[in-house]
C-alpha atoms as a PDB file:
ATOM      1  CA  MET A   1      88.272 168.124 133.228  1.00  0.00           C
ATOM      2  CA  THR A   2      88.176 164.832 135.119  1.00  0.00           C
ATOM      3  CA  GLN A   3      88.882 165.197 138.739  1.00  0.00           C
ATOM      4  CA  MET A   4      91.344 162.532 139.498  1.00  0.00           C
ATOM      5  CA  MET A   5      90.272 159.849 142.357  1.00  0.00           C
ATOM      6  CA  GLY A   6      91.967 159.493 145.752  1.00  0.00           C
ATOM      7  CA  MET A   7      94.334 156.540 145.260  1.00  0.00           C
ATOM      8  CA  PRO A   8      94.309 153.869 148.048  1.00  0.00           C
ATOM      9  CA  ARG A   9      97.174 154.207 150.522  1.00  0.00           C
ATOM     10  CA  VAL A  10      99.843 151.353 150.982  1.00  0.00           C
ATOM     11  CA  GLN A  11      99.109 151.279 154.819  1.00  0.00           C
ATOM     12  CA  THR A  12     101.433 148.780 155.743  1.00  0.00           C
ATOM     13  CA  CYS A  13     104.732 147.293 153.908  1.00  0.00           C
ATOM     14  CA  THR A  14     106.725 144.665 155.917  1.00  0.00           C
ATOM     15  CA  VAL A  15     109.131 143.924 152.980  1.00  0.00           C
ATOM     16  CA  THR A  16     112.170 145.220 154.616  1.00  0.00           C
ATOM     17  CA  ASP A  17     114.605 144.104 151.774  1.00  0.00           C
ATOM     18  CA  CYS A  18     112.984 146.340 149.063  1.00  0.00           C
ATOM     19  CA  GLY A  19     114.551 149.942 148.277  1.00  0.00           C
ATOM     20  CA  TYR A  20     111.449 151.684 148.695  1.00  0.00           C
ATOM     21  CA  ASN A  21     110.869 150.518 152.059  1.00  0.00           C
ATOM     22  CA  HIS A  22     111.977 152.898 154.391  1.00  0.00           C
ATOM     23  CA  ASP A  23     109.856 152.646 157.507  1.00  0.00           C
ATOM     24  CA  GLY A  24     107.161 152.017 155.153  1.00  0.00           C
ATOM     25  CA  CYS A  25     106.716 152.451 151.570  1.00  0.00           C
ATOM     26  CA  THR A  26     108.107 155.606 150.132  1.00  0.00           C
ATOM     27  CA  ALA A  27     107.312 154.943 146.337  1.00  0.00           C
ATOM     28  CA  PHE A  28     104.886 157.710 144.919  1.00  0.00           C
ATOM     29  CA  ALA A  29     102.529 154.800 143.786  1.00  0.00           C
ATOM     30  CA  ILE A  30     102.934 151.209 143.198  1.00  0.00           C
ATOM     31  CA  THR A  31     101.488 148.599 140.782  1.00  0.00           C
ATOM     32  CA  ILE A  32     100.004 145.168 141.801  1.00  0.00           C
ATOM     33  CA  SER A  33     100.666 142.710 138.939  1.00  0.00           C
ATOM     34  CA  GLU A  34      98.493 139.926 137.596  1.00  0.00           C
ATOM     35  CA  MET A  35     100.524 137.127 139.192  1.00  0.00           C
ATOM     36  CA  ASN A  36     100.262 136.166 142.784  1.00  0.00           C
ATOM     37  CA  SER A  37      99.084 139.636 143.211  1.00  0.00           C
ATOM     38  CA  ALA A  38     102.892 140.421 143.652  1.00  0.00           C
ATOM     39  CA  CYS A  39     104.064 144.259 143.826  1.00  0.00           C
ATOM     40  CA  ASP A  40     105.617 144.907 140.586  1.00  0.00           C
ATOM     41  CA  THR A  41     107.524 148.166 142.345  1.00  0.00           C
ATOM     42  CA  PHE A  42     109.336 146.016 144.281  1.00  0.00           C
ATOM     43  CA  ALA A  43     113.228 147.211 144.303  1.00  0.00           C
ATOM     44  CA  GLY A  44     115.590 144.444 145.523  1.00  0.00           C
ATOM     45  CA  SER A  45     119.375 143.786 145.192  1.00  0.00           C
ATOM     46  CA  GLY A  46     120.519 146.915 146.727  1.00  0.00           C
ATOM     47  CA  LEU A  47     118.552 149.330 145.031  1.00  0.00           C
ATOM     48  CA  THR A  48     117.203 152.500 146.800  1.00  0.00           C
ATOM     49  CA  GLY A  49     114.618 154.774 146.101  1.00  0.00           C
ATOM     50  CA  GLY A  50     111.423 156.754 146.862  1.00  0.00           C
ATOM     51  CA  MET A  51     110.103 160.302 148.193  1.00  0.00           C
ATOM     52  CA  GLY A  52     111.644 160.160 151.432  1.00  0.00           C
ATOM     53  CA  VAL A  53     107.994 159.785 153.179  1.00  0.00           C
ATOM     54  CA  ALA A  54     105.760 156.957 153.607  1.00  0.00           C
ATOM     55  CA  THR A  55     102.992 157.651 151.561  1.00  0.00           C
ATOM     56  CA  ALA A  56     103.009 155.118 148.570  1.00  0.00           C
ATOM     57  CA  GLN A  57      99.477 154.964 147.035  1.00  0.00           C
ATOM     58  CA  VAL A  58      98.164 152.251 144.423  1.00  0.00           C
ATOM     59  CA  GLY A  59      98.433 153.324 141.402  1.00  0.00           C
ATOM     60  CA  ALA A  60      97.231 150.582 139.419  1.00  0.00           C
ATOM     61  CA  CYS A  61      96.126 146.637 139.747  1.00  0.00           C
ATOM     62  CA  LYS A  62      96.252 144.107 137.350  1.00  0.00           C
ATOM     63  CA  ARG A  63      94.308 141.512 139.822  1.00  0.00           C
ATOM     64  CA  ALA A  64      91.138 141.738 137.532  1.00  0.00           C
ATOM     65  CA  ASP A  65      89.637 138.986 139.715  1.00  0.00           C
ATOM     66  CA  CYS A  66      89.978 140.762 143.055  1.00  0.00           C
ATOM     67  CA  THR A  67      87.059 142.021 144.929  1.00  0.00           C
ATOM     68  CA  TYR A  68      88.430 145.456 145.269  1.00  0.00           C
ATOM     69  CA  ASN A  69      89.361 145.881 141.368  1.00  0.00           C
ATOM     70  CA  LYS A  70      87.097 147.965 139.148  1.00  0.00           C
ATOM     71  CA  ASP A  71      88.392 148.584 135.680  1.00  0.00           C
ATOM     72  CA  LEU A  72      92.076 147.585 136.917  1.00  0.00           C
ATOM     73  CA  GLU A  73      91.938 150.230 139.698  1.00  0.00           C
ATOM     74  CA  CYS A  74      91.878 149.231 143.375  1.00  0.00           C
ATOM     75  CA  GLN A  75      89.148 150.262 145.346  1.00  0.00           C
ATOM     76  CA  ALA A  76      90.032 149.366 148.801  1.00  0.00           C
ATOM     77  CA  PRO A  77      90.439 152.091 151.513  1.00  0.00           C
ATOM     78  CA  ALA A  78      93.998 150.978 151.780  1.00  0.00           C
ATOM     79  CA  ILE A  79      96.052 148.245 151.278  1.00  0.00           C
ATOM     80  CA  THR A  80      98.687 145.975 153.295  1.00  0.00           C
ATOM     81  CA  VAL A  81     101.873 144.328 151.364  1.00  0.00           C
ATOM     82  CA  GLY A  82     103.656 141.483 152.620  1.00  0.00           C
ATOM     83  CA  ALA A  83     105.578 138.313 151.957  1.00  0.00           C
ATOM     84  CA  SER A  84     103.226 135.596 150.532  1.00  0.00           C
ATOM     85  CA  ALA A  85     103.925 133.591 147.398  1.00  0.00           C
ATOM     86  CA  ASP A  86     106.396 136.398 146.368  1.00  0.00           C
ATOM     87  CA  LYS A  87     108.641 138.409 148.362  1.00  0.00           C
ATOM     88  CA  ALA A  88     106.050 141.535 148.370  1.00  0.00           C
ATOM     89  CA  ASP A  89     102.480 140.989 147.642  1.00  0.00           C
ATOM     90  CA  CYS A  90      99.159 142.551 148.213  1.00  0.00           C
ATOM     91  CA  LEU A  91      97.749 141.040 151.594  1.00  0.00           C
ATOM     92  CA  THR A  92      94.427 142.636 150.727  1.00  0.00           C
ATOM     93  CA  TYR A  93      93.794 140.715 147.584  1.00  0.00           C
ATOM     94  CA  GLN A  94      90.275 138.981 147.784  1.00  0.00           C
ATOM     95  CA  HIS A  95      89.429 136.621 144.905  1.00  0.00           C
ATOM     96  CA  SER A  96      85.712 137.887 143.766  1.00  0.00           C
END
């Protein structure tokens, strides 16, 4: 049986118009896309979701060119999400 690794935490999310942001990201896990390191989990347009506690983790990262990416999994200790090229981007992304 394979033991699951700890996933990096979404330490900070400053995207206040996301339906998962209630004093922090309350999604169980987020996905970072290939395009602009955008948060694919971003939910706008008046949607509300989440688990009620700001304990989101990075479930998958499609930015294979990031220093912290290994086999499409984030290896950073924690990430920050905020506005950049899109409404919600991984600000921890570093081009390798």
